[in-house]
PDB file of N, CA and C in Angstrom:
ATOM      1  N   UNK A   1     -37.415 102.704 111.921  1.00  0.00           N
ATOM      2  CA  UNK A   1     -37.739 101.498 111.178  1.00  0.00           C
ATOM      3  C   UNK A   1     -37.040 101.517 109.815  1.00  0.00           C
ATOM      4  N   UNK A   2     -36.977 102.685 109.213  1.00  0.00           N
ATOM      5  CA  UNK A   2     -36.328 102.773 107.906  1.00  0.00           C
ATOM      6  C   UNK A   2     -34.857 102.354 107.999  1.00  0.00           C
ATOM      7  N   UNK A   3     -34.184 102.780 109.060  1.00  0.00           N
ATOM      8  CA  UNK A   3     -32.782 102.405 109.240  1.00  0.00           C
ATOM      9  C   UNK A   3     -32.603 100.902 109.369  1.00  0.00           C
ATOM     10  N   UNK A   4     -33.516 100.262 110.098  1.00  0.00           N
ATOM     11  CA  UNK A   4     -33.453  98.802 110.233  1.00  0.00           C
ATOM     12  C   UNK A   4     -33.649  98.121 108.885  1.00  0.00           C
ATOM     13  N   UNK A   5     -34.617  98.618 108.121  1.00  0.00           N
ATOM     14  CA  UNK A   5     -34.870  98.049 106.802  1.00  0.00           C
ATOM     15  C   UNK A   5     -33.644  98.207 105.907  1.00  0.00           C
ATOM     16  N   UNK A   6     -33.053  99.390 105.901  1.00  0.00           N
ATOM     17  CA  UNK A   6     -31.891  99.631 105.053  1.00  0.00           C
ATOM     18  C   UNK A   6     -30.719  98.734 105.446  1.00  0.00           C
ATOM     19  N   UNK A   7     -30.525  98.541 106.747  1.00  0.00           N
ATOM     20  CA  UNK A   7     -29.447  97.663 107.211  1.00  0.00           C
ATOM     21  C   UNK A   7     -29.707  96.222 106.769  1.00  0.00           C
ATOM     22  N   UNK A   8     -30.933  95.752 106.972  1.00  0.00           N
ATOM     23  CA  UNK A   8     -31.290  94.387 106.571  1.00  0.00           C
ATOM     24  C   UNK A   8     -31.148  94.212 105.064  1.00  0.00           C
ATOM     25  N   UNK A   9     -31.699  95.145 104.320  1.00  0.00           N
ATOM     26  CA  UNK A   9     -31.701  95.039 102.863  1.00  0.00           C
ATOM     27  C   UNK A   9     -30.278  95.060 102.308  1.00  0.00           C
ATOM     28  N   UNK A  10     -29.437  95.905 102.860  1.00  0.00           N
ATOM     29  CA  UNK A  10     -28.045  95.955 102.421  1.00  0.00           C
ATOM     30  C   UNK A  10     -27.325  94.644 102.652  1.00  0.00           C
ATOM     31  N   UNK A  11     -27.576  94.048 103.801  1.00  0.00           N
ATOM     32  CA  UNK A  11     -26.957  92.748 104.096  1.00  0.00           C
ATOM     33  C   UNK A  11     -27.488  91.669 103.157  1.00  0.00           C
ATOM     34  N   UNK A  12     -28.794  91.666 102.953  1.00  0.00           N
ATOM     35  CA  UNK A  12     -29.396  90.662 102.074  1.00  0.00           C
ATOM     36  C   UNK A  12     -28.831  90.756 100.663  1.00  0.00           C
ATOM     37  N   UNK A  13     -28.649  91.973 100.168  1.00  0.00           N
ATOM     38  CA  UNK A  13     -28.088  92.158  98.826  1.00  0.00           C
ATOM     39  C   UNK A  13     -26.657  91.634  98.771  1.00  0.00           C
ATOM     40  N   UNK A  14     -25.859  91.930  99.791  1.00  0.00           N
ATOM     41  CA  UNK A  14     -24.466  91.466  99.821  1.00  0.00           C
ATOM     42  C   UNK A  14     -24.398  89.945  99.853  1.00  0.00           C
ATOM     43  N   UNK A  15     -25.241  89.317 100.675  1.00  0.00           N
ATOM     44  CA  UNK A  15     -25.232  87.855 100.766  1.00  0.00           C
ATOM     45  C   UNK A  15     -25.703  87.229  99.459  1.00  0.00           C
ATOM     46  N   UNK A  16     -26.758  87.790  98.873  1.00  0.00           N
ATOM     47  CA  UNK A  16     -27.278  87.253  97.617  1.00  0.00           C
ATOM     48  C   UNK A  16     -26.237  87.358  96.501  1.00  0.00           C
ATOM     49  N   UNK A  17     -25.561  88.489  96.427  1.00  0.00           N
ATOM     50  CA  UNK A  17     -24.537  88.673  95.393  1.00  0.00           C
ATOM     51  C   UNK A  17     -23.415  87.651  95.561  1.00  0.00           C
ATOM     52  N   UNK A  18     -22.989  87.431  96.792  1.00  0.00           N
ATOM     53  CA  UNK A  18     -21.929  86.453  97.047  1.00  0.00           C
ATOM     54  C   UNK A  18     -22.386  85.044  96.681  1.00  0.00           C
ATOM     55  N   UNK A  19     -23.611  84.688  97.056  1.00  0.00           N
ATOM     56  CA  UNK A  19     -24.134  83.364  96.716  1.00  0.00           C
ATOM     57  C   UNK A  19     -24.240  83.188  95.204  1.00  0.00           C
ATOM     58  N   UNK A  20     -24.808  84.191  94.525  1.00  0.00           N
ATOM     59  CA  UNK A  20     -24.987  84.097  93.075  1.00  0.00           C
ATOM     60  C   UNK A  20     -23.655  83.963  92.344  1.00  0.00           C
ATOM     61  N   UNK A  21     -22.631  84.644  92.850  1.00  0.00           N
ATOM     62  CA  UNK A  21     -21.314  84.614  92.206  1.00  0.00           C
ATOM     63  C   UNK A  21     -20.475  83.422  92.653  1.00  0.00           C
ATOM     64  N   UNK A  22     -20.946  82.694  93.669  1.00  0.00           N
ATOM     65  CA  UNK A  22     -20.143  81.601  94.211  1.00  0.00           C
ATOM     66  C   UNK A  22     -18.883  82.117  94.883  1.00  0.00           C
ATOM     67  N   UNK A  23     -18.957  83.325  95.403  1.00  0.00           N
ATOM     68  CA  UNK A  23     -17.792  84.015  95.963  1.00  0.00           C
ATOM     69  C   UNK A  23     -17.726  83.815  97.479  1.00  0.00           C
ATOM     70  N   UNK A  24     -17.018  82.773  97.885  1.00  0.00           N
ATOM     71  CA  UNK A  24     -16.907  82.454  99.312  1.00  0.00           C
ATOM     72  C   UNK A  24     -16.189  83.555 100.079  1.00  0.00           C
ATOM     73  N   UNK A  25     -15.186  84.165  99.469  1.00  0.00           N
ATOM     74  CA  UNK A  25     -14.435  85.226 100.148  1.00  0.00           C
ATOM     75  C   UNK A  25     -15.324  86.434 100.422  1.00  0.00           C
ATOM     76  N   UNK A  26     -16.149  86.816  99.451  1.00  0.00           N
ATOM     77  CA  UNK A  26     -17.054  87.954  99.651  1.00  0.00           C
ATOM     78  C   UNK A  26     -18.075  87.644 100.738  1.00  0.00           C
ATOM     79  N   UNK A  27     -18.573  86.413 100.761  1.00  0.00           N
ATOM     80  CA  UNK A  27     -19.532  86.031 101.799  1.00  0.00           C
ATOM     81  C   UNK A  27     -18.875  86.091 103.168  1.00  0.00           C
ATOM     82  N   UNK A  28     -17.678  85.542 103.290  1.00  0.00           N
ATOM     83  CA  UNK A  28     -16.975  85.546 104.575  1.00  0.00           C
ATOM     84  C   UNK A  28     -16.683  86.969 105.037  1.00  0.00           C
ATOM     85  N   UNK A  29     -16.298  87.838 104.119  1.00  0.00           N
ATOM     86  CA  UNK A  29     -16.025  89.229 104.475  1.00  0.00           C
ATOM     87  C   UNK A  29     -17.297  89.927 104.941  1.00  0.00           C
ATOM     88  N   UNK A  30     -18.402  89.719 104.233  1.00  0.00           N
ATOM     89  CA  UNK A  30     -19.678  90.323 104.626  1.00  0.00           C
ATOM     90  C   UNK A  30     -20.133  89.809 105.985  1.00  0.00           C
ATOM     91  N   UNK A  31     -20.009  88.510 106.202  1.00  0.00           N
ATOM     92  CA  UNK A  31     -20.406  87.939 107.489  1.00  0.00           C
ATOM     93  C   UNK A  31     -19.518  88.447 108.615  1.00  0.00           C
ATOM     94  N   UNK A  32     -18.233  88.552 108.375  1.00  0.00           N
ATOM     95  CA  UNK A  32     -17.318  89.069 109.402  1.00  0.00           C
ATOM     96  C   UNK A  32     -17.722  90.482 109.798  1.00  0.00           C
ATOM     97  N   UNK A  33     -18.025  91.295 108.805  1.00  0.00           N
ATOM     98  CA  UNK A  33     -18.412  92.683 109.061  1.00  0.00           C
ATOM     99  C   UNK A  33     -19.760  92.763 109.785  1.00  0.00           C
ATOM    100  N   UNK A  34     -20.738  91.975 109.346  1.00  0.00           N
ATOM    101  CA  UNK A  34     -22.094  92.110 109.870  1.00  0.00           C
ATOM    102  C   UNK A  34     -22.361  91.329 111.149  1.00  0.00           C
ATOM    103  N   UNK A  35     -21.674  90.222 111.347  1.00  0.00           N
ATOM    104  CA  UNK A  35     -21.901  89.403 112.541  1.00  0.00           C
ATOM    105  C   UNK A  35     -20.923  89.759 113.654  1.00  0.00           C
ATOM    106  N   UNK A  36     -19.651  89.908 113.279  1.00  0.00           N
ATOM    107  CA  UNK A  36     -18.618  90.133 114.292  1.00  0.00           C
ATOM    108  C   UNK A  36     -18.039  91.545 114.280  1.00  0.00           C
ATOM    109  N   UNK A  37     -18.506  92.397 113.369  1.00  0.00           N
ATOM    110  CA  UNK A  37     -17.994  93.770 113.243  1.00  0.00           C
ATOM    111  C   UNK A  37     -16.489  93.793 112.995  1.00  0.00           C
ATOM    112  N   UNK A  38     -16.003  92.798 112.278  1.00  0.00           N
ATOM    113  CA  UNK A  38     -14.576  92.696 111.958  1.00  0.00           C
ATOM    114  C   UNK A  38     -14.324  93.302 110.577  1.00  0.00           C
ATOM    115  N   UNK A  39     -13.126  93.806 110.383  1.00  0.00           N
ATOM    116  CA  UNK A  39     -12.768  94.407 109.096  1.00  0.00           C
ATOM    117  C   UNK A  39     -12.398  93.369 108.042  1.00  0.00           C
ATOM    118  N   UNK A  40     -11.972  92.218 108.480  1.00  0.00           N
ATOM    119  CA  UNK A  40     -11.559  91.171 107.540  1.00  0.00           C
ATOM    120  C   UNK A  40     -12.178  89.845 107.966  1.00  0.00           C
ATOM    121  N   UNK A  41     -12.260  88.932 107.021  1.00  0.00           N
ATOM    122  CA  UNK A  41     -12.840  87.622 107.309  1.00  0.00           C
ATOM    123  C   UNK A  41     -12.011  86.897 108.364  1.00  0.00           C
ATOM    124  N   UNK A  42     -12.703  86.270 109.270  1.00  0.00           N
ATOM    125  CA  UNK A  42     -12.078  85.477 110.323  1.00  0.00           C
ATOM    126  C   UNK A  42     -12.344  84.002 110.050  1.00  0.00           C
ATOM    127  N   UNK A  43     -11.707  83.146 110.806  1.00  0.00           N
ATOM    128  CA  UNK A  43     -11.953  81.704 110.643  1.00  0.00           C
ATOM    129  C   UNK A  43     -13.429  81.382 110.879  1.00  0.00           C
ATOM    130  N   UNK A  44     -14.025  82.017 111.885  1.00  0.00           N
ATOM    131  CA  UNK A  44     -15.444  81.778 112.172  1.00  0.00           C
ATOM    132  C   UNK A  44     -16.318  82.256 111.013  1.00  0.00           C
ATOM    133  N   UNK A  45     -15.987  83.398 110.431  1.00  0.00           N
ATOM    134  CA  UNK A  45     -16.759  83.916 109.300  1.00  0.00           C
ATOM    135  C   UNK A  45     -16.610  83.011 108.084  1.00  0.00           C
ATOM    136  N   UNK A  46     -15.426  82.481 107.881  1.00  0.00           N
ATOM    137  CA  UNK A  46     -15.217  81.563 106.760  1.00  0.00           C
ATOM    138  C   UNK A  46     -16.016  80.276 106.954  1.00  0.00           C
ATOM    139  N   UNK A  47     -16.085  79.796 108.188  1.00  0.00           N
ATOM    140  CA  UNK A  47     -16.889  78.598 108.467  1.00  0.00           C
ATOM    141  C   UNK A  47     -18.368  78.892 108.234  1.00  0.00           C
ATOM    142  N   UNK A  48     -18.837  80.063 108.709  1.00  0.00           N
ATOM    143  CA  UNK A  48     -20.240  80.426 108.508  1.00  0.00           C
ATOM    144  C   UNK A  48     -20.546  80.598 107.019  1.00  0.00           C
ATOM    145  N   UNK A  49     -19.594  81.088 106.256  1.00  0.00           N
ATOM    146  CA  UNK A  49     -19.782  81.202 104.804  1.00  0.00           C
ATOM    147  C   UNK A  49     -19.943  79.820 104.176  1.00  0.00           C
ATOM    148  N   UNK A  50     -19.114  78.857 104.594  1.00  0.00           N
ATOM    149  CA  UNK A  50     -19.247  77.488 104.067  1.00  0.00           C
ATOM    150  C   UNK A  50     -20.615  76.906 104.422  1.00  0.00           C
ATOM    151  N   UNK A  51     -21.073  77.157 105.646  1.00  0.00           N
ATOM    152  CA  UNK A  51     -22.400  76.691 106.056  1.00  0.00           C
ATOM    153  C   UNK A  51     -23.471  77.345 105.188  1.00  0.00           C
ATOM    154  N   UNK A  52     -23.334  78.640 104.946  1.00  0.00           N
ATOM    155  CA  UNK A  52     -24.313  79.376 104.136  1.00  0.00           C
ATOM    156  C   UNK A  52     -24.414  78.800 102.732  1.00  0.00           C
ATOM    157  N   UNK A  53     -23.272  78.534 102.114  1.00  0.00           N
ATOM    158  CA  UNK A  53     -23.285  77.966 100.762  1.00  0.00           C
ATOM    159  C   UNK A  53     -23.878  76.558 100.763  1.00  0.00           C
ATOM    160  N   UNK A  54     -23.560  75.753 101.758  1.00  0.00           N
ATOM    161  CA  UNK A  54     -24.113  74.395 101.835  1.00  0.00           C
ATOM    162  C   UNK A  54     -25.624  74.440 102.023  1.00  0.00           C
ATOM    163  N   UNK A  55     -26.101  75.331 102.896  1.00  0.00           N
ATOM    164  CA  UNK A  55     -27.548  75.446 103.111  1.00  0.00           C
ATOM    165  C   UNK A  55     -28.238  75.940 101.846  1.00  0.00           C
ATOM    166  N   UNK A  56     -27.642  76.912 101.166  1.00  0.00           N
ATOM    167  CA  UNK A  56     -28.242  77.433  99.936  1.00  0.00           C
ATOM    168  C   UNK A  56     -28.359  76.335  98.884  1.00  0.00           C
ATOM    169  N   UNK A  57     -27.298  75.542  98.724  1.00  0.00           N
ATOM    170  CA  UNK A  57     -27.335  74.439  97.763  1.00  0.00           C
ATOM    171  C   UNK A  57     -28.410  73.424  98.150  1.00  0.00           C
ATOM    172  N   UNK A  58     -28.499  73.118  99.434  1.00  0.00           N
ATOM    173  CA  UNK A  58     -29.506  72.189  99.924  1.00  0.00           C
ATOM    174  C   UNK A  58     -30.917  72.714  99.647  1.00  0.00           C
ATOM    175  N   UNK A  59     -31.152  73.984  99.934  1.00  0.00           N
ATOM    176  CA  UNK A  59     -32.483  74.557  99.725  1.00  0.00           C
ATOM    177  C   UNK A  59     -32.840  74.613  98.243  1.00  0.00           C
ATOM    178  N   UNK A  60     -31.859  74.899  97.389  1.00  0.00           N
ATOM    179  CA  UNK A  60     -32.117  74.946  95.947  1.00  0.00           C
ATOM    180  C   UNK A  60     -32.478  73.579  95.389  1.00  0.00           C
ATOM    181  N   UNK A  61     -32.054  72.524  96.053  1.00  0.00           N
ATOM    182  CA  UNK A  61     -32.351  71.177  95.567  1.00  0.00           C
ATOM    183  C   UNK A  61     -33.776  70.741  95.909  1.00  0.00           C
ATOM    184  N   UNK A  62     -34.446  71.502  96.749  1.00  0.00           N
ATOM    185  CA  UNK A  62     -35.809  71.171  97.146  1.00  0.00           C
ATOM    186  C   UNK A  62     -36.792  71.870  96.206  1.00  0.00           C
ATOM    187  N   UNK A  63     -37.864  71.209  95.896  1.00  0.00           N
ATOM    188  CA  UNK A  63     -38.842  71.767  94.977  1.00  0.00           C
ATOM    189  C   UNK A  63     -39.649  72.904  95.587  1.00  0.00           C
ATOM    190  N   UNK A  64     -40.119  73.801  94.715  1.00  0.00           N
ATOM    191  CA  UNK A  64     -40.914  74.938  95.174  1.00  0.00           C
ATOM    192  C   UNK A  64     -42.215  74.467  95.815  1.00  0.00           C
ATOM    193  N   UNK A  65     -42.803  73.403  95.285  1.00  0.00           N
ATOM    194  CA  UNK A  65     -44.038  72.866  95.863  1.00  0.00           C
ATOM    195  C   UNK A  65     -43.810  72.432  97.305  1.00  0.00           C
ATOM    196  N   UNK A  66     -42.621  71.913  97.565  1.00  0.00           N
ATOM    197  CA  UNK A  66     -42.277  71.503  98.929  1.00  0.00           C
ATOM    198  C   UNK A  66     -42.255  72.722  99.853  1.00  0.00           C
ATOM    199  N   UNK A  67     -41.691  73.837  99.374  1.00  0.00           N
ATOM    200  CA  UNK A  67     -41.686  75.071 100.160  1.00  0.00           C
ATOM    201  C   UNK A  67     -43.107  75.538 100.443  1.00  0.00           C
ATOM    202  N   UNK A  68     -43.939  75.535  99.407  1.00  0.00           N
ATOM    203  CA  UNK A  68     -45.320  75.983  99.571  1.00  0.00           C
ATOM    204  C   UNK A  68     -46.081  75.117 100.565  1.00  0.00           C
ATOM    205  N   UNK A  69     -45.729  73.848 100.622  1.00  0.00           N
ATOM    206  CA  UNK A  69     -46.382  72.929 101.556  1.00  0.00           C
ATOM    207  C   UNK A  69     -45.798  73.030 102.962  1.00  0.00           C
ATOM    208  N   UNK A  70     -44.791  73.883 103.130  1.00  0.00           N
ATOM    209  CA  UNK A  70     -44.178  74.048 104.450  1.00  0.00           C
ATOM    210  C   UNK A  70     -43.221  72.937 104.816  1.00  0.00           C
ATOM    211  N   UNK A  71     -42.751  72.211 103.816  1.00  0.00           N
ATOM    212  CA  UNK A  71     -41.827  71.098 104.058  1.00  0.00           C
ATOM    213  C   UNK A  71     -40.433  71.499 103.599  1.00  0.00           C
ATOM    214  N   UNK A  72     -39.711  72.146 104.485  1.00  0.00           N
ATOM    215  CA  UNK A  72     -38.369  72.623 104.177  1.00  0.00           C
ATOM    216  C   UNK A  72     -37.397  71.900 105.089  1.00  0.00           C
ATOM    217  N   UNK A  73     -36.380  71.308 104.503  1.00  0.00           N
ATOM    218  CA  UNK A  73     -35.378  70.583 105.275  1.00  0.00           C
ATOM    219  C   UNK A  73     -34.062  71.350 105.260  1.00  0.00           C
ATOM    220  N   UNK A  74     -33.530  71.592 106.449  1.00  0.00           N
ATOM    221  CA  UNK A  74     -32.232  72.237 106.590  1.00  0.00           C
ATOM    222  C   UNK A  74     -31.202  71.193 106.999  1.00  0.00           C
ATOM    223  N   UNK A  75     -29.972  71.415 106.594  1.00  0.00           N
ATOM    224  CA  UNK A  75     -28.878  70.552 107.014  1.00  0.00           C
ATOM    225  C   UNK A  75     -28.538  70.838 108.470  1.00  0.00           C
ATOM    226  N   UNK A  76     -28.093  69.834 109.190  1.00  0.00           N
ATOM    227  CA  UNK A  76     -27.588  70.054 110.548  1.00  0.00           C
ATOM    228  C   UNK A  76     -26.283  70.825 110.423  1.00  0.00           C
ATOM    229  N   UNK A  77     -26.099  71.841 111.234  1.00  0.00           N
ATOM    230  CA  UNK A  77     -24.914  72.708 111.127  1.00  0.00           C
ATOM    231  C   UNK A  77     -23.627  71.970 111.491  1.00  0.00           C
ATOM    232  N   UNK A  78     -23.718  70.985 112.348  1.00  0.00           N
ATOM    233  CA  UNK A  78     -22.524  70.267 112.780  1.00  0.00           C
ATOM    234  C   UNK A  78     -21.855  69.589 111.597  1.00  0.00           C
ATOM    235  N   UNK A  79     -20.606  69.913 111.389  1.00  0.00           N
ATOM    236  CA  UNK A  79     -19.821  69.248 110.368  1.00  0.00           C
ATOM    237  C   UNK A  79     -19.843  69.888 109.001  1.00  0.00           C
ATOM    238  N   UNK A  80     -20.914  70.593 108.611  1.00  0.00           N
ATOM    239  CA  UNK A  80     -20.970  71.084 107.233  1.00  0.00           C
ATOM    240  C   UNK A  80     -20.074  72.287 106.987  1.00  0.00           C
ATOM    241  N   UNK A  81     -19.690  73.003 108.028  1.00  0.00           N
ATOM    242  CA  UNK A  81     -18.830  74.164 107.823  1.00  0.00           C
ATOM    243  C   UNK A  81     -17.378  73.896 108.106  1.00  0.00           C
ATOM    244  N   UNK A  82     -17.072  72.659 108.488  1.00  0.00           N
ATOM    245  CA  UNK A  82     -15.684  72.326 108.795  1.00  0.00           C
ATOM    246  C   UNK A  82     -14.846  72.369 107.529  1.00  0.00           C
ATOM    247  N   UNK A  83     -13.616  72.812 107.667  1.00  0.00           N
ATOM    248  CA  UNK A  83     -12.718  72.887 106.512  1.00  0.00           C
ATOM    249  C   UNK A  83     -12.492  71.496 105.946  1.00  0.00           C
ATOM    250  N   UNK A  84     -12.403  71.451 104.632  1.00  0.00           N
ATOM    251  CA  UNK A  84     -12.218  70.156 103.968  1.00  0.00           C
ATOM    252  C   UNK A  84     -10.781  69.708 104.032  1.00  0.00           C
TER     253      UNK A  84
END
């Protein structure tokens, strides 16, 4: 169980750091490593990074009271990760 926690926590820290820094490249690299076991960011990882940033921005725009009330709205994944 400790190993699972350490793996989860390490990933969470990497994702949080990338989000806080607005670092899309770091997010894509972390996702490539953790989702696809790739050494470098792939097109799919870059798309997932764009989705992650869009969802984070969307969630930050919602009030904390809304979260407490269980009213959380997520963006539909279709289209939000497509390259601009």
